[in-house]
């Protein structure tokens, strides 16, 4: 055992003894070590002095206006401008156009895989389409494509939500309500 671990073990055992956390067997062992070892006795006196200083120290209480003072200091600091001031709207528009074009491309590809001429007069779908004979495995056979499409759909819905919430906020501002 190296000296640091030995000193640490002594301190832990002595703190438990001083705080009254050690059991009767451990208590008698520590008392024997304090009486027989100069190292244990010196460390015990040092920790006992620290313990007494902690117990006698008076803690300052913050002033009654502490919270108000802190809030006033925070109010003095200039708050960062809203994100709309420093985000380029053309970049956001470009990203949105990219995702919409990818989604449109997938839809066009999907509709191009439908056999438009296979429908008969007894078909229950509009325009006589036979959607049962569409080979979906050509479109959705790759995990990467599925994940990419799902991400595009989620991002498109987020963009739609942001657009609608901005419209709703503008309407509230026009009508003078918050």
Foldseek 3Di string as FASTA:
>chain_A
DDPVVVVVVLLVLLVCLVVVNDDPVSNVVLVVCCVPPPVSVVSNVVVVVVVVCVVPDDDDDDDPCVVVVVVVVVVVDDDDDDPVVPDDVVVVVVVLVVLVVVLVVLVVVQVVQFDLPPFDPPDPDPSRGDPVPRDCCVSPVDPVNVVSNVVSVVVNVVVVVVVVVVVVVVVCVVVVHD
